[in-house]
Structures are given as C-alpha cells and as structure tokens.
Amino acid sequence: SILNFDTGEHVDVETARSEVFLDHTHRKGAYNKKNNPALIRQTALDQAKADPNDPFTFARVKTHLENGLCNLDDYGVTFKRVSVDLLDFSDQVIGRKMADVPMKVRRA
C-alpha cells in the first residue's frame, strides 16, 4: 500500500493507479471537448460512413473521444473515390455516380 497525500490514508497500489488513470481520462476528455469539437464530430462521421451497418458507430466514437477513452489519432479512415455504374433490370448502363469507398479503417 502507499500513502494518499490528499486523505492521509494508505491505499492499495491498484486503487491508486485506477484513480490516476481516471483523472487523466477525465482531463483528456475535457481538453478534447473544449479544443477539438469539430474534429471529434468529423472523426465520428467518417467512422459512421465507413461502417453503415452499425447504427451506433457515430455515438460510440463521439462518446469515446469526448470522454477521453481514446485519442483522436486512434481512429482514422481513408476513402477512395470510385465510379459506380447504375444499371437497369436488363443490365444496361443508365448512368454513373461517384461513391466514397473506405479503404483503410483504423478503430480504437
């Protein structure tokens, strides 16, 4: 056990480590919320765009970043712009559109 100078009590080493980790996490989250709100939102949007099958991706990533559970560079998506042919029922090309396809996705 070690001495907690704030309370004057002896505490378990693991408890002290947990308290330090939580304090660091809260400070990191507060810093991210204050200084990087646009970047947090864009990162969460990119992750949600890369995984359209999971409806909770945006909220989860945004929460992780706002609460300091992850760093901003823990997440990343690289998109590639591709041309997609639009076909009718007889497989005739009736148009083209551009689409962003996720190539590299990094998740925390």
C-alpha atoms as a PDB file:
ATOM      1  CA  SER A   1       0.000   0.000   0.000  1.00  0.00           C
ATOM      2  CA  ILE A   2       1.015   3.612  -0.483  1.00  0.00           C
ATOM      3  CA  LEU A   3       0.146   6.850   1.288  1.00  0.00           C
ATOM      4  CA  ASN A   4      -2.521   9.047  -0.303  1.00  0.00           C
ATOM      5  CA  PHE A   5      -1.327  12.580   0.488  1.00  0.00           C
ATOM      6  CA  ASP A   6      -4.784  14.086  -0.101  1.00  0.00           C
ATOM      7  CA  THR A   7      -6.537  11.972   2.537  1.00  0.00           C
ATOM      8  CA  GLY A   8      -3.602  10.835   4.682  1.00  0.00           C
ATOM      9  CA  GLU A   9      -4.707   7.202   4.326  1.00  0.00           C
ATOM     10  CA  HIS A  10      -2.865   4.207   2.997  1.00  0.00           C
ATOM     11  CA  VAL A  11      -4.441   2.835  -0.185  1.00  0.00           C
ATOM     12  CA  ASP A  12      -3.846  -0.197  -2.338  1.00  0.00           C
ATOM     13  CA  VAL A  13      -1.439   0.363  -5.254  1.00  0.00           C
ATOM     14  CA  GLU A  14      -4.017  -0.802  -7.821  1.00  0.00           C
ATOM     15  CA  THR A  15      -6.595   1.616  -6.407  1.00  0.00           C
ATOM     16  CA  ALA A  16      -4.112   4.472  -6.693  1.00  0.00           C
ATOM     17  CA  ARG A  17      -3.319   3.516 -10.301  1.00  0.00           C
ATOM     18  CA  SER A  18      -7.028   3.433 -11.136  1.00  0.00           C
ATOM     19  CA  GLU A  19      -7.562   6.876  -9.633  1.00  0.00           C
ATOM     20  CA  VAL A  20      -4.648   8.317 -11.620  1.00  0.00           C
ATOM     21  CA  PHE A  21      -5.932   6.707 -14.828  1.00  0.00           C
ATOM     22  CA  LEU A  22      -9.460   8.054 -14.288  1.00  0.00           C
ATOM     23  CA  ASP A  23      -8.150  11.535 -13.517  1.00  0.00           C
ATOM     24  CA  HIS A  24      -6.036  11.504 -16.688  1.00  0.00           C
ATOM     25  CA  THR A  25      -9.008  10.239 -18.730  1.00  0.00           C
ATOM     26  CA  HIS A  26     -11.288  12.999 -17.422  1.00  0.00           C
ATOM     27  CA  ARG A  27      -8.701  15.699 -18.142  1.00  0.00           C
ATOM     28  CA  LYS A  28      -8.104  14.351 -21.664  1.00  0.00           C
ATOM     29  CA  GLY A  29     -11.851  14.257 -22.317  1.00  0.00           C
ATOM     30  CA  ALA A  30     -12.329  17.824 -21.099  1.00  0.00           C
ATOM     31  CA  TYR A  31      -9.449  19.000 -23.306  1.00  0.00           C
ATOM     32  CA  ASN A  32     -10.900  17.238 -26.371  1.00  0.00           C
ATOM     33  CA  LYS A  33     -14.381  18.670 -25.787  1.00  0.00           C
ATOM     34  CA  LYS A  34     -13.033  22.193 -25.402  1.00  0.00           C
ATOM     35  CA  ASN A  35     -10.387  22.303 -28.139  1.00  0.00           C
ATOM     36  CA  ASN A  36     -11.440  19.751 -30.777  1.00  0.00           C
ATOM     37  CA  PRO A  37     -15.257  19.588 -31.078  1.00  0.00           C
ATOM     38  CA  ALA A  38     -15.253  19.870 -34.891  1.00  0.00           C
ATOM     39  CA  LEU A  39     -12.530  17.244 -35.260  1.00  0.00           C
ATOM     40  CA  ILE A  40     -14.367  14.877 -32.892  1.00  0.00           C
ATOM     41  CA  ARG A  41     -17.558  15.260 -34.927  1.00  0.00           C
ATOM     42  CA  GLN A  42     -15.769  14.732 -38.261  1.00  0.00           C
ATOM     43  CA  THR A  43     -13.924  11.672 -36.956  1.00  0.00           C
ATOM     44  CA  ALA A  44     -17.190  10.160 -35.717  1.00  0.00           C
ATOM     45  CA  LEU A  45     -18.915  10.938 -39.039  1.00  0.00           C
ATOM     46  CA  ASP A  46     -16.082   9.300 -41.003  1.00  0.00           C
ATOM     47  CA  GLN A  47     -16.275   6.175 -38.856  1.00  0.00           C
ATOM     48  CA  ALA A  48     -20.063   6.017 -39.281  1.00  0.00           C
ATOM     49  CA  LYS A  49     -19.720   6.460 -43.048  1.00  0.00           C
ATOM     50  CA  ALA A  50     -17.159   3.640 -43.165  1.00  0.00           C
ATOM     51  CA  ASP A  51     -19.479   1.279 -41.259  1.00  0.00           C
ATOM     52  CA  PRO A  52     -23.082   1.975 -42.362  1.00  0.00           C
ATOM     53  CA  ASN A  53     -24.325  -1.350 -40.945  1.00  0.00           C
ATOM     54  CA  ASP A  54     -23.763  -0.277 -37.334  1.00  0.00           C
ATOM     55  CA  PRO A  55     -26.247   2.467 -36.365  1.00  0.00           C
ATOM     56  CA  PHE A  56     -24.387   3.251 -33.127  1.00  0.00           C
ATOM     57  CA  THR A  57     -20.930   3.954 -34.601  1.00  0.00           C
ATOM     58  CA  PHE A  58     -21.277   7.743 -34.590  1.00  0.00           C
ATOM     59  CA  ALA A  59     -22.497   7.948 -30.995  1.00  0.00           C
ATOM     60  CA  ARG A  60     -19.941   5.420 -29.733  1.00  0.00           C
ATOM     61  CA  VAL A  61     -16.917   7.081 -31.364  1.00  0.00           C
ATOM     62  CA  LYS A  62     -18.056  10.566 -30.336  1.00  0.00           C
ATOM     63  CA  THR A  63     -18.570   9.418 -26.741  1.00  0.00           C
ATOM     64  CA  HIS A  64     -15.177   7.695 -26.608  1.00  0.00           C
ATOM     65  CA  LEU A  65     -13.406  10.826 -27.837  1.00  0.00           C
ATOM     66  CA  GLU A  66     -15.390  13.288 -25.703  1.00  0.00           C
ATOM     67  CA  ASN A  67     -14.790  11.257 -22.549  1.00  0.00           C
ATOM     68  CA  GLY A  68     -11.072  10.763 -23.130  1.00  0.00           C
ATOM     69  CA  LEU A  69     -11.235   6.990 -23.571  1.00  0.00           C
ATOM     70  CA  CYS A  70      -9.348   7.222 -26.892  1.00  0.00           C
ATOM     71  CA  ASN A  71      -7.026   9.639 -28.622  1.00  0.00           C
ATOM     72  CA  LEU A  72      -8.051  11.377 -31.819  1.00  0.00           C
ATOM     73  CA  ASP A  73      -5.374   9.509 -33.761  1.00  0.00           C
ATOM     74  CA  ASP A  74      -6.735   6.138 -32.575  1.00  0.00           C
ATOM     75  CA  TYR A  75      -9.414   6.480 -35.246  1.00  0.00           C
ATOM     76  CA  GLY A  76      -8.871   7.048 -38.943  1.00  0.00           C
ATOM     77  CA  VAL A  77     -10.480   6.346 -42.290  1.00  0.00           C
ATOM     78  CA  THR A  78      -9.034   6.665 -45.774  1.00  0.00           C
ATOM     79  CA  PHE A  79     -11.638   6.908 -48.513  1.00  0.00           C
ATOM     80  CA  LYS A  80     -11.142   6.247 -52.217  1.00  0.00           C
ATOM     81  CA  ARG A  81     -13.476   7.865 -54.748  1.00  0.00           C
ATOM     82  CA  VAL A  82     -14.756   5.353 -57.328  1.00  0.00           C
ATOM     83  CA  SER A  83     -17.178   5.487 -60.237  1.00  0.00           C
ATOM     84  CA  VAL A  84     -20.238   3.249 -59.959  1.00  0.00           C
ATOM     85  CA  ASP A  85     -22.359   2.263 -62.977  1.00  0.00           C
ATOM     86  CA  LEU A  86     -26.117   2.422 -62.492  1.00  0.00           C
ATOM     87  CA  LEU A  87     -27.844  -0.449 -64.295  1.00  0.00           C
ATOM     88  CA  ASP A  88     -31.451  -1.097 -65.220  1.00  0.00           C
ATOM     89  CA  PHE A  89     -33.096  -4.522 -64.948  1.00  0.00           C
ATOM     90  CA  SER A  90     -31.666  -5.610 -68.313  1.00  0.00           C
ATOM     91  CA  ASP A  91     -28.104  -4.747 -67.201  1.00  0.00           C
ATOM     92  CA  GLN A  92     -27.901  -1.683 -69.438  1.00  0.00           C
ATOM     93  CA  VAL A  93     -25.885   1.223 -68.062  1.00  0.00           C
ATOM     94  CA  ILE A  94     -28.269   4.110 -67.437  1.00  0.00           C
ATOM     95  CA  GLY A  95     -25.902   6.377 -65.548  1.00  0.00           C
ATOM     96  CA  ARG A  96     -22.869   6.775 -63.352  1.00  0.00           C
ATOM     97  CA  LYS A  97     -22.296   8.149 -59.915  1.00  0.00           C
ATOM     98  CA  MET A  98     -19.272   8.718 -57.745  1.00  0.00           C
ATOM     99  CA  ALA A  99     -19.018   6.996 -54.375  1.00  0.00           C
ATOM    100  CA  ASP A 100     -16.548   7.139 -51.494  1.00  0.00           C
ATOM    101  CA  VAL A 101     -15.363   3.665 -50.518  1.00  0.00           C
ATOM    102  CA  PRO A 102     -13.484   3.155 -47.234  1.00  0.00           C
ATOM    103  CA  MET A 103     -10.055   1.666 -47.969  1.00  0.00           C
ATOM    104  CA  LYS A 104      -8.260   1.758 -44.613  1.00  0.00           C
ATOM    105  CA  VAL A 105     -10.197   1.945 -41.364  1.00  0.00           C
ATOM    106  CA  ARG A 106      -8.447   2.293 -38.007  1.00  0.00           C
ATOM    107  CA  ARG A 107     -10.528   1.855 -34.864  1.00  0.00           C
ATOM    108  CA  ALA A 108      -9.614   2.043 -31.223  1.00  0.00           C
END
